Amino acid sequence: MSMKWYVLHTLSSHEGKVKKIIETQKLKWADGAGIGQIKIPTLDMAELYHGKKRIVKKKFMPGYVFIELDLTDDLMYKIRNVVGVMGFVGTDAKPQVLTEEEIQSLFAEMGDAVSNASEEKVAPRILFAQGETVKIIDGPFANFQGIIDEVNVEKGKLRVRVEIFGRSTPVELDYLQVGKI
């Protein structure tokens, strides 16, 4: 058995349903042993919700599901006929096989790689640039506007110049405390 990774194109927002259907059907199908892992490409994103920081899973490739298969014609037919599946990425006759490098880079980006398992980084929901004008949405300077002086991506912090009592004052804020104007 030679398992390889393939990409399924699904209806948008049906990725979880497709994964669940294939996982339940693989137990019923005679050639279900030819189905390995099924992954939906997601990232952990930090966002502010009602003043609290929370982590949400965001799909970074909506409409796609990665599936490890020992692909046969019969198995390809069954998977294509799962509700919500548009087809395999590639030609109709031969789906595209992902290389090991592509899989490793995708899994590393998703945080599934073994080497990145110990590091837990959460990507900010919005990225900022130096010189950009932002509005502070949380903390003691809420509803103030300022200009970004410095962006520290590793710490998820910004240094923003805010005008207080006629003076420009630098304030260090978390990514989640500011919003784009």
N, C-alpha and C. Protein backbone atom coordinates (compact mmCIF):
# COMPACT_ATOMS: atom_id res chain seq x y z
N MET A 1 0.84 -1.18 0.00
CA MET A 1 0.00 0.00 0.00
C MET A 1 0.88 1.25 0.00
N SER A 2 0.67 2.10 -0.97
CA SER A 2 1.46 3.31 -1.10
C SER A 2 0.54 4.52 -0.89
N MET A 3 0.60 5.08 0.31
CA MET A 3 -0.25 6.23 0.64
C MET A 3 0.39 7.50 0.12
N LYS A 4 -0.42 8.31 -0.56
CA LYS A 4 0.02 9.61 -1.06
C LYS A 4 -1.04 10.63 -0.70
N TRP A 5 -0.61 11.91 -0.68
CA TRP A 5 -1.53 12.99 -0.34
C TRP A 5 -2.14 13.60 -1.59
N TYR A 6 -3.45 13.85 -1.51
CA TYR A 6 -4.21 14.46 -2.59
C TYR A 6 -5.02 15.62 -2.01
N VAL A 7 -5.52 16.47 -2.91
CA VAL A 7 -6.33 17.60 -2.49
C VAL A 7 -7.72 17.44 -3.07
N LEU A 8 -8.72 17.53 -2.19
CA LEU A 8 -10.12 17.50 -2.62
C LEU A 8 -10.65 18.92 -2.69
N HIS A 9 -11.36 19.23 -3.76
CA HIS A 9 -12.04 20.53 -3.86
C HIS A 9 -13.47 20.29 -3.38
N THR A 10 -13.88 21.07 -2.38
CA THR A 10 -15.22 20.89 -1.80
C THR A 10 -16.02 22.18 -1.97
N LEU A 11 -17.30 22.07 -1.69
CA LEU A 11 -18.12 23.27 -1.62
C LEU A 11 -17.62 24.11 -0.46
N SER A 12 -17.69 25.41 -0.60
CA SER A 12 -17.22 26.29 0.47
C SER A 12 -18.03 26.05 1.73
N SER A 13 -17.34 26.01 2.85
CA SER A 13 -17.88 25.76 4.19
C SER A 13 -18.45 24.34 4.38
N HIS A 14 -18.12 23.42 3.46
CA HIS A 14 -18.53 22.02 3.62
C HIS A 14 -17.34 21.12 3.95
N GLU A 15 -16.18 21.73 4.25
CA GLU A 15 -14.98 20.95 4.48
C GLU A 15 -15.14 19.97 5.65
N GLY A 16 -15.70 20.45 6.76
CA GLY A 16 -15.90 19.60 7.93
C GLY A 16 -16.89 18.48 7.68
N LYS A 17 -17.95 18.79 6.93
CA LYS A 17 -18.96 17.77 6.60
C LYS A 17 -18.35 16.68 5.72
N VAL A 18 -17.56 17.10 4.73
CA VAL A 18 -16.92 16.14 3.83
C VAL A 18 -15.97 15.24 4.62
N LYS A 19 -15.18 15.84 5.50
CA LYS A 19 -14.25 15.05 6.32
C LYS A 19 -15.01 14.03 7.16
N LYS A 20 -16.08 14.47 7.79
CA LYS A 20 -16.86 13.57 8.66
C LYS A 20 -17.50 12.43 7.86
N ILE A 21 -18.05 12.75 6.69
CA ILE A 21 -18.68 11.72 5.86
C ILE A 21 -17.65 10.68 5.41
N ILE A 22 -16.49 11.14 4.95
CA ILE A 22 -15.47 10.20 4.48
C ILE A 22 -14.96 9.34 5.63
N GLU A 23 -14.79 9.94 6.82
CA GLU A 23 -14.32 9.15 7.97
C GLU A 23 -15.33 8.09 8.37
N THR A 24 -16.61 8.38 8.30
CA THR A 24 -17.61 7.36 8.65
C THR A 24 -17.76 6.33 7.54
N GLN A 25 -17.67 6.76 6.29
CA GLN A 25 -17.83 5.84 5.16
C GLN A 25 -16.63 4.90 5.01
N LYS A 26 -15.45 5.35 5.41
CA LYS A 26 -14.27 4.50 5.22
C LYS A 26 -14.37 3.22 6.05
N LEU A 27 -15.16 3.24 7.13
CA LEU A 27 -15.38 2.03 7.92
C LEU A 27 -16.33 1.07 7.20
N LYS A 28 -17.20 1.61 6.35
CA LYS A 28 -18.19 0.80 5.64
C LYS A 28 -17.68 0.28 4.31
N TRP A 29 -16.82 1.06 3.64
CA TRP A 29 -16.32 0.67 2.33
C TRP A 29 -15.31 -0.47 2.45
N ALA A 30 -15.37 -1.39 1.52
CA ALA A 30 -14.43 -2.52 1.52
C ALA A 30 -12.99 -2.04 1.34
N ASP A 31 -12.81 -1.00 0.52
CA ASP A 31 -11.46 -0.47 0.29
C ASP A 31 -11.18 0.75 1.17
N GLY A 32 -11.88 0.86 2.28
CA GLY A 32 -11.71 1.97 3.20
C GLY A 32 -10.36 2.02 3.88
N ALA A 33 -9.66 0.89 3.90
CA ALA A 33 -8.32 0.86 4.49
C ALA A 33 -7.34 1.68 3.66
N GLY A 34 -7.72 1.99 2.43
CA GLY A 34 -6.87 2.80 1.57
C GLY A 34 -6.95 4.29 1.89
N ILE A 35 -7.75 4.65 2.89
CA ILE A 35 -7.89 6.06 3.29
C ILE A 35 -7.11 6.26 4.58
N GLY A 36 -6.20 7.23 4.56
CA GLY A 36 -5.40 7.54 5.74
C GLY A 36 -5.94 8.78 6.45
N GLN A 37 -5.07 9.75 6.67
CA GLN A 37 -5.44 10.97 7.37
C GLN A 37 -6.24 11.90 6.46
N ILE A 38 -7.11 12.68 7.09
CA ILE A 38 -7.86 13.72 6.38
C ILE A 38 -7.67 15.00 7.17
N LYS A 39 -7.20 16.06 6.50
CA LYS A 39 -6.90 17.31 7.20
C LYS A 39 -7.55 18.49 6.49
N ILE A 40 -8.08 19.39 7.30
CA ILE A 40 -8.61 20.66 6.80
C ILE A 40 -7.59 21.72 7.17
N PRO A 41 -7.07 22.48 6.19
CA PRO A 41 -6.03 23.47 6.50
C PRO A 41 -6.58 24.66 7.29
N THR A 42 -6.19 24.73 8.57
CA THR A 42 -6.63 25.81 9.44
C THR A 42 -5.45 26.43 10.18
N LEU A 43 -5.65 27.63 10.65
CA LEU A 43 -4.67 28.34 11.48
C LEU A 43 -5.37 28.78 12.76
N ASP A 44 -4.63 28.80 13.86
CA ASP A 44 -5.15 29.37 15.10
C ASP A 44 -4.94 30.87 15.04
N MET A 45 -6.02 31.63 15.17
CA MET A 45 -5.95 33.08 15.10
C MET A 45 -6.47 33.66 16.41
N ALA A 46 -5.82 34.73 16.87
CA ALA A 46 -6.26 35.41 18.08
C ALA A 46 -7.19 36.54 17.69
N GLU A 47 -8.26 36.70 18.46
CA GLU A 47 -9.16 37.82 18.22
C GLU A 47 -9.73 38.29 19.55
N LEU A 48 -10.20 39.50 19.56
CA LEU A 48 -10.80 40.08 20.75
C LEU A 48 -12.30 39.96 20.62
N TYR A 49 -12.96 39.36 21.62
CA TYR A 49 -14.40 39.16 21.59
C TYR A 49 -14.97 39.57 22.94
N HIS A 50 -15.77 40.62 22.96
CA HIS A 50 -16.34 41.16 24.19
C HIS A 50 -15.26 41.45 25.23
N GLY A 51 -14.15 42.03 24.78
CA GLY A 51 -13.08 42.42 25.67
C GLY A 51 -12.17 41.29 26.11
N LYS A 52 -12.40 40.08 25.64
CA LYS A 52 -11.58 38.93 26.02
C LYS A 52 -10.85 38.39 24.80
N LYS A 53 -9.61 37.98 25.01
CA LYS A 53 -8.82 37.38 23.94
C LYS A 53 -9.25 35.92 23.81
N ARG A 54 -9.52 35.51 22.57
CA ARG A 54 -9.87 34.11 22.35
C ARG A 54 -9.18 33.62 21.08
N ILE A 55 -9.01 32.32 21.01
CA ILE A 55 -8.35 31.69 19.87
C ILE A 55 -9.42 31.03 19.01
N VAL A 56 -9.41 31.34 17.72
CA VAL A 56 -10.37 30.74 16.79
C VAL A 56 -9.60 30.03 15.68
N LYS A 57 -10.20 29.00 15.14
CA LYS A 57 -9.61 28.29 14.00
C LYS A 57 -10.14 28.95 12.75
N LYS A 58 -9.23 29.36 11.88
CA LYS A 58 -9.61 30.01 10.63
C LYS A 58 -9.07 29.17 9.48
N LYS A 59 -9.95 28.87 8.52
CA LYS A 59 -9.52 28.11 7.35
C LYS A 59 -8.68 29.00 6.47
N PHE A 60 -7.44 28.58 6.17
CA PHE A 60 -6.62 29.42 5.32
C PHE A 60 -6.66 28.95 3.87
N MET A 61 -7.33 27.86 3.59
CA MET A 61 -7.58 27.42 2.22
C MET A 61 -9.02 26.92 2.15
N PRO A 62 -9.99 27.84 2.22
CA PRO A 62 -11.39 27.42 2.20
C PRO A 62 -11.74 26.67 0.91
N GLY A 63 -12.51 25.62 1.05
CA GLY A 63 -12.94 24.85 -0.11
C GLY A 63 -12.01 23.69 -0.45
N TYR A 64 -11.00 23.43 0.41
CA TYR A 64 -10.06 22.35 0.12
C TYR A 64 -9.85 21.48 1.35
N VAL A 65 -9.69 20.17 1.09
CA VAL A 65 -9.41 19.19 2.14
C VAL A 65 -8.25 18.33 1.65
N PHE A 66 -7.28 18.08 2.52
CA PHE A 66 -6.15 17.22 2.19
C PHE A 66 -6.45 15.81 2.67
N ILE A 67 -6.20 14.84 1.80
CA ILE A 67 -6.54 13.46 2.15
C ILE A 67 -5.40 12.53 1.72
N GLU A 68 -5.05 11.62 2.61
CA GLU A 68 -3.99 10.65 2.34
C GLU A 68 -4.66 9.36 1.86
N LEU A 69 -4.29 8.93 0.65
CA LEU A 69 -4.97 7.79 0.05
C LEU A 69 -4.00 6.83 -0.63
N ASP A 70 -4.42 5.56 -0.67
CA ASP A 70 -3.86 4.59 -1.59
C ASP A 70 -4.92 4.52 -2.69
N LEU A 71 -4.79 5.40 -3.67
CA LEU A 71 -5.86 5.66 -4.62
C LEU A 71 -6.04 4.55 -5.65
N THR A 72 -7.29 4.05 -5.70
CA THR A 72 -7.71 3.12 -6.73
C THR A 72 -8.86 3.79 -7.48
N ASP A 73 -9.21 3.26 -8.64
CA ASP A 73 -10.31 3.83 -9.42
C ASP A 73 -11.62 3.78 -8.64
N ASP A 74 -11.85 2.65 -7.94
CA ASP A 74 -13.08 2.50 -7.18
C ASP A 74 -13.15 3.50 -6.02
N LEU A 75 -12.04 3.67 -5.31
CA LEU A 75 -12.00 4.60 -4.20
C LEU A 75 -12.15 6.04 -4.69
N MET A 76 -11.53 6.35 -5.83
CA MET A 76 -11.66 7.69 -6.39
C MET A 76 -13.12 7.98 -6.76
N TYR A 77 -13.80 7.01 -7.32
CA TYR A 77 -15.21 7.16 -7.68
C TYR A 77 -16.07 7.41 -6.43
N LYS A 78 -15.81 6.63 -5.38
CA LYS A 78 -16.61 6.76 -4.14
C LYS A 78 -16.39 8.14 -3.50
N ILE A 79 -15.15 8.60 -3.46
CA ILE A 79 -14.86 9.89 -2.83
C ILE A 79 -15.44 11.03 -3.65
N ARG A 80 -15.36 10.95 -4.96
CA ARG A 80 -15.93 12.00 -5.82
C ARG A 80 -17.44 12.13 -5.65
N ASN A 81 -18.10 11.03 -5.27
CA ASN A 81 -19.55 11.04 -5.11
C ASN A 81 -20.02 11.35 -3.70
N VAL A 82 -19.10 11.71 -2.82
CA VAL A 82 -19.48 12.15 -1.47
C VAL A 82 -20.14 13.52 -1.60
N VAL A 83 -21.21 13.73 -0.85
CA VAL A 83 -21.93 15.00 -0.88
C VAL A 83 -20.99 16.13 -0.47
N GLY A 84 -20.91 17.18 -1.30
CA GLY A 84 -20.06 18.33 -1.00
C GLY A 84 -18.72 18.30 -1.70
N VAL A 85 -18.33 17.17 -2.29
CA VAL A 85 -17.05 17.07 -2.99
C VAL A 85 -17.24 17.49 -4.44
N MET A 86 -16.44 18.44 -4.89
CA MET A 86 -16.48 18.89 -6.28
C MET A 86 -15.57 18.01 -7.15
N GLY A 87 -14.54 17.46 -6.55
CA GLY A 87 -13.60 16.60 -7.28
C GLY A 87 -12.21 16.73 -6.70
N PHE A 88 -11.28 16.03 -7.32
CA PHE A 88 -9.89 16.10 -6.92
C PHE A 88 -9.22 17.25 -7.67
N VAL A 89 -8.19 17.83 -7.08
CA VAL A 89 -7.39 18.82 -7.79
C VAL A 89 -6.48 18.06 -8.74
N GLY A 90 -6.50 18.45 -10.00
CA GLY A 90 -5.76 17.77 -11.05
C GLY A 90 -6.70 17.52 -12.21
N THR A 91 -6.34 16.61 -13.08
CA THR A 91 -7.22 16.29 -14.20
C THR A 91 -8.28 15.30 -13.75
N ASP A 92 -9.33 15.15 -14.55
CA ASP A 92 -10.38 14.19 -14.21
C ASP A 92 -9.86 12.76 -14.18
N ALA A 93 -8.95 12.46 -15.11
CA ALA A 93 -8.43 11.10 -15.20
C ALA A 93 -7.41 10.79 -14.11
N LYS A 94 -6.59 11.81 -13.75
CA LYS A 94 -5.51 11.56 -12.79
C LYS A 94 -5.38 12.72 -11.81
N PRO A 95 -5.77 12.53 -10.56
CA PRO A 95 -5.60 13.59 -9.55
C PRO A 95 -4.13 13.89 -9.30
N GLN A 96 -3.86 15.14 -8.94
CA GLN A 96 -2.49 15.60 -8.68
C GLN A 96 -2.02 15.07 -7.32
N VAL A 97 -0.84 14.46 -7.29
CA VAL A 97 -0.24 13.98 -6.05
C VAL A 97 0.63 15.11 -5.49
N LEU A 98 0.52 15.38 -4.19
CA LEU A 98 1.35 16.40 -3.56
C LEU A 98 2.70 15.80 -3.21
N THR A 99 3.74 16.61 -3.38
CA THR A 99 5.09 16.15 -3.04
C THR A 99 5.28 16.22 -1.53
N GLU A 100 6.29 15.54 -1.05
CA GLU A 100 6.60 15.54 0.38
C GLU A 100 6.94 16.94 0.88
N GLU A 101 7.64 17.74 0.06
CA GLU A 101 8.00 19.11 0.44
C GLU A 101 6.75 19.98 0.59
N GLU A 102 5.79 19.82 -0.35
CA GLU A 102 4.54 20.58 -0.27
C GLU A 102 3.77 20.24 0.99
N ILE A 103 3.70 18.96 1.30
CA ILE A 103 2.98 18.52 2.51
C ILE A 103 3.65 19.05 3.76
N GLN A 104 4.98 18.95 3.84
CA GLN A 104 5.70 19.43 5.02
C GLN A 104 5.51 20.93 5.21
N SER A 105 5.58 21.70 4.13
CA SER A 105 5.41 23.16 4.26
C SER A 105 3.98 23.51 4.66
N LEU A 106 2.99 22.81 4.11
CA LEU A 106 1.59 23.07 4.49
C LEU A 106 1.34 22.72 5.95
N PHE A 107 1.84 21.56 6.38
CA PHE A 107 1.63 21.15 7.76
C PHE A 107 2.39 22.05 8.73
N ALA A 108 3.55 22.52 8.32
CA ALA A 108 4.30 23.45 9.17
C ALA A 108 3.52 24.76 9.32
N GLU A 109 2.90 25.22 8.24
CA GLU A 109 2.09 26.44 8.30
C GLU A 109 0.87 26.25 9.18
N MET A 110 0.30 25.04 9.15
CA MET A 110 -0.87 24.75 9.98
C MET A 110 -0.48 24.45 11.43
N GLY A 111 0.81 24.23 11.68
CA GLY A 111 1.26 23.91 13.04
C GLY A 111 1.18 22.43 13.34
N ASP A 112 1.05 21.58 12.31
CA ASP A 112 0.94 20.14 12.51
C ASP A 112 2.27 19.42 12.41
N ALA A 113 3.31 20.11 11.96
CA ALA A 113 4.61 19.46 11.80
C ALA A 113 5.18 19.10 13.17
N VAL A 114 5.89 17.99 13.24
CA VAL A 114 6.46 17.52 14.50
C VAL A 114 7.44 18.54 15.06
N SER A 115 8.21 19.20 14.18
CA SER A 115 9.21 20.15 14.64
C SER A 115 8.59 21.39 15.27
N ASN A 116 7.38 21.75 14.88
CA ASN A 116 6.72 22.94 15.41
C ASN A 116 5.73 22.63 16.53
N ALA A 117 5.62 21.37 16.93
CA ALA A 117 4.62 21.00 17.91
C ALA A 117 4.87 21.66 19.27
N SER A 118 6.14 21.88 19.64
CA SER A 118 6.42 22.46 20.94
C SER A 118 6.19 23.96 20.96
N GLU A 119 6.37 24.63 19.81
CA GLU A 119 6.14 26.08 19.75
C GLU A 119 4.67 26.33 19.50
N GLU A 120 4.05 27.08 20.39
CA GLU A 120 2.65 27.42 20.17
C GLU A 120 2.56 28.89 19.85
N LYS A 121 2.43 29.21 18.58
CA LYS A 121 2.28 30.59 18.15
C LYS A 121 0.89 30.78 17.61
N VAL A 122 0.32 31.90 17.94
CA VAL A 122 -1.00 32.23 17.44
C VAL A 122 -0.85 33.45 16.56
N ALA A 123 -1.29 33.33 15.33
CA ALA A 123 -1.18 34.43 14.39
C ALA A 123 -2.24 35.49 14.68
N PRO A 124 -1.89 36.75 14.55
CA PRO A 124 -2.90 37.79 14.74
C PRO A 124 -3.89 37.77 13.59
N ARG A 125 -5.09 38.23 13.86
CA ARG A 125 -6.13 38.23 12.84
C ARG A 125 -5.86 39.32 11.79
N ILE A 126 -5.26 40.43 12.19
CA ILE A 126 -4.99 41.54 11.28
C ILE A 126 -3.51 41.89 11.38
N LEU A 127 -2.87 42.15 10.26
CA LEU A 127 -1.47 42.54 10.26
C LEU A 127 -1.37 44.05 10.06
N PHE A 128 -0.39 44.64 10.69
CA PHE A 128 -0.22 46.09 10.66
C PHE A 128 1.13 46.46 10.08
N ALA A 129 1.25 47.73 9.61
CA ALA A 129 2.49 48.23 9.04
C ALA A 129 2.88 49.53 9.72
N GLN A 130 4.18 49.80 9.75
CA GLN A 130 4.70 51.02 10.35
C GLN A 130 4.17 52.23 9.56
N GLY A 131 3.77 53.29 10.28
CA GLY A 131 3.26 54.51 9.66
C GLY A 131 1.76 54.49 9.42
N GLU A 132 1.12 53.36 9.70
CA GLU A 132 -0.32 53.22 9.48
C GLU A 132 -1.09 53.86 10.65
N THR A 133 -2.21 54.51 10.34
CA THR A 133 -3.06 55.10 11.38
C THR A 133 -4.07 54.05 11.83
N VAL A 134 -4.17 53.87 13.15
CA VAL A 134 -5.06 52.86 13.72
C VAL A 134 -5.92 53.49 14.80
N LYS A 135 -7.00 52.78 15.15
CA LYS A 135 -7.88 53.20 16.24
C LYS A 135 -7.71 52.20 17.38
N ILE A 136 -7.53 52.70 18.57
CA ILE A 136 -7.40 51.83 19.74
C ILE A 136 -8.81 51.43 20.17
N ILE A 137 -9.05 50.13 20.30
CA ILE A 137 -10.39 49.65 20.59
C ILE A 137 -10.54 49.05 21.99
N ASP A 138 -9.42 48.90 22.71
CA ASP A 138 -9.49 48.29 24.03
C ASP A 138 -8.42 48.89 24.93
N GLY A 139 -8.69 48.93 26.22
CA GLY A 139 -7.72 49.43 27.18
C GLY A 139 -8.01 50.86 27.58
N PRO A 140 -7.09 51.47 28.34
CA PRO A 140 -7.32 52.83 28.84
C PRO A 140 -7.36 53.90 27.75
N PHE A 141 -6.81 53.61 26.58
CA PHE A 141 -6.80 54.58 25.49
C PHE A 141 -7.84 54.26 24.41
N ALA A 142 -8.88 53.53 24.79
CA ALA A 142 -9.93 53.16 23.84
C ALA A 142 -10.51 54.41 23.18
N ASN A 143 -10.81 54.30 21.89
CA ASN A 143 -11.38 55.36 21.05
C ASN A 143 -10.38 56.44 20.65
N PHE A 144 -9.11 56.31 21.02
CA PHE A 144 -8.07 57.22 20.56
C PHE A 144 -7.56 56.69 19.21
N GLN A 145 -7.00 57.59 18.42
CA GLN A 145 -6.34 57.20 17.18
C GLN A 145 -4.85 57.49 17.31
N GLY A 146 -4.05 56.70 16.61
CA GLY A 146 -2.61 56.91 16.67
C GLY A 146 -1.93 56.38 15.43
N ILE A 147 -0.65 56.66 15.34
CA ILE A 147 0.16 56.22 14.21
C ILE A 147 1.16 55.19 14.71
N ILE A 148 1.27 54.07 14.00
CA ILE A 148 2.17 52.99 14.40
C ILE A 148 3.62 53.42 14.17
N ASP A 149 4.42 53.36 15.24
CA ASP A 149 5.85 53.66 15.18
C ASP A 149 6.66 52.40 14.94
N GLU A 150 6.26 51.30 15.61
CA GLU A 150 7.05 50.08 15.57
C GLU A 150 6.12 48.88 15.64
N VAL A 151 6.45 47.83 14.89
CA VAL A 151 5.68 46.59 14.90
C VAL A 151 6.60 45.47 15.36
N ASN A 152 6.22 44.77 16.43
CA ASN A 152 6.98 43.64 16.93
C ASN A 152 6.14 42.39 16.71
N VAL A 153 6.40 41.71 15.59
CA VAL A 153 5.59 40.56 15.19
C VAL A 153 5.76 39.40 16.16
N GLU A 154 6.99 39.17 16.65
CA GLU A 154 7.25 38.04 17.55
C GLU A 154 6.43 38.12 18.83
N LYS A 155 6.32 39.33 19.39
CA LYS A 155 5.58 39.52 20.63
C LYS A 155 4.12 39.86 20.39
N GLY A 156 3.76 40.21 19.16
CA GLY A 156 2.39 40.60 18.86
C GLY A 156 2.06 41.97 19.45
N LYS A 157 3.06 42.85 19.50
CA LYS A 157 2.90 44.18 20.10
C LYS A 157 3.14 45.27 19.07
N LEU A 158 2.56 46.41 19.33
CA LEU A 158 2.74 47.61 18.51
C LEU A 158 3.12 48.77 19.41
N ARG A 159 3.96 49.67 18.90
CA ARG A 159 4.20 50.93 19.60
C ARG A 159 3.47 51.98 18.76
N VAL A 160 2.47 52.60 19.39
CA VAL A 160 1.61 53.56 18.71
C VAL A 160 1.80 54.93 19.35
N ARG A 161 1.94 55.97 18.53
CA ARG A 161 2.04 57.35 19.02
C ARG A 161 0.62 57.91 19.09
N VAL A 162 0.21 58.25 20.32
CA VAL A 162 -1.12 58.78 20.57
C VAL A 162 -0.98 60.20 21.09
N GLU A 163 -1.84 61.08 20.62
CA GLU A 163 -1.80 62.47 21.07
C GLU A 163 -2.67 62.58 22.33
N ILE A 164 -2.00 62.88 23.46
CA ILE A 164 -2.68 63.04 24.75
C ILE A 164 -2.31 64.41 25.30
N PHE A 165 -3.29 65.23 25.58
CA PHE A 165 -3.09 66.59 26.10
C PHE A 165 -2.14 67.40 25.21
N GLY A 166 -2.28 67.23 23.90
CA GLY A 166 -1.47 68.00 22.97
C GLY A 166 -0.06 67.48 22.75
N ARG A 167 0.28 66.37 23.37
CA ARG A 167 1.62 65.79 23.22
C ARG A 167 1.52 64.41 22.59
N SER A 168 2.48 64.09 21.74
CA SER A 168 2.56 62.77 21.13
C SER A 168 3.24 61.82 22.11
N THR A 169 2.52 60.80 22.54
CA THR A 169 3.01 59.87 23.56
C THR A 169 3.06 58.45 22.98
N PRO A 170 4.20 57.75 23.11
CA PRO A 170 4.25 56.36 22.64
C PRO A 170 3.55 55.43 23.63
N VAL A 171 2.72 54.54 23.10
CA VAL A 171 1.98 53.58 23.91
C VAL A 171 2.21 52.20 23.31
N GLU A 172 2.57 51.22 24.15
CA GLU A 172 2.74 49.85 23.66
C GLU A 172 1.42 49.10 23.84
N LEU A 173 0.95 48.53 22.73
CA LEU A 173 -0.35 47.85 22.72
C LEU A 173 -0.22 46.47 22.08
N ASP A 174 -1.13 45.61 22.44
CA ASP A 174 -1.25 44.29 21.84
C ASP A 174 -1.96 44.44 20.49
N TYR A 175 -1.69 43.53 19.56
CA TYR A 175 -2.38 43.55 18.26
C TYR A 175 -3.90 43.58 18.43
N LEU A 176 -4.38 42.91 19.45
CA LEU A 176 -5.82 42.79 19.64
C LEU A 176 -6.46 44.06 20.18
N GLN A 177 -5.65 45.00 20.64
CA GLN A 177 -6.19 46.23 21.22
C GLN A 177 -6.39 47.32 20.17
N VAL A 178 -5.97 47.10 18.94
CA VAL A 178 -6.12 48.12 17.91
C VAL A 178 -6.86 47.55 16.70
N GLY A 179 -7.44 48.46 15.95
CA GLY A 179 -8.16 48.08 14.73
C GLY A 179 -7.82 49.03 13.61
N LYS A 180 -8.02 48.57 12.40
CA LYS A 180 -7.76 49.42 11.23
C LYS A 180 -8.88 50.44 11.11
N ILE A 181 -8.52 51.59 10.53
CA ILE A 181 -9.51 52.65 10.33
C ILE A 181 -10.10 52.50 8.95
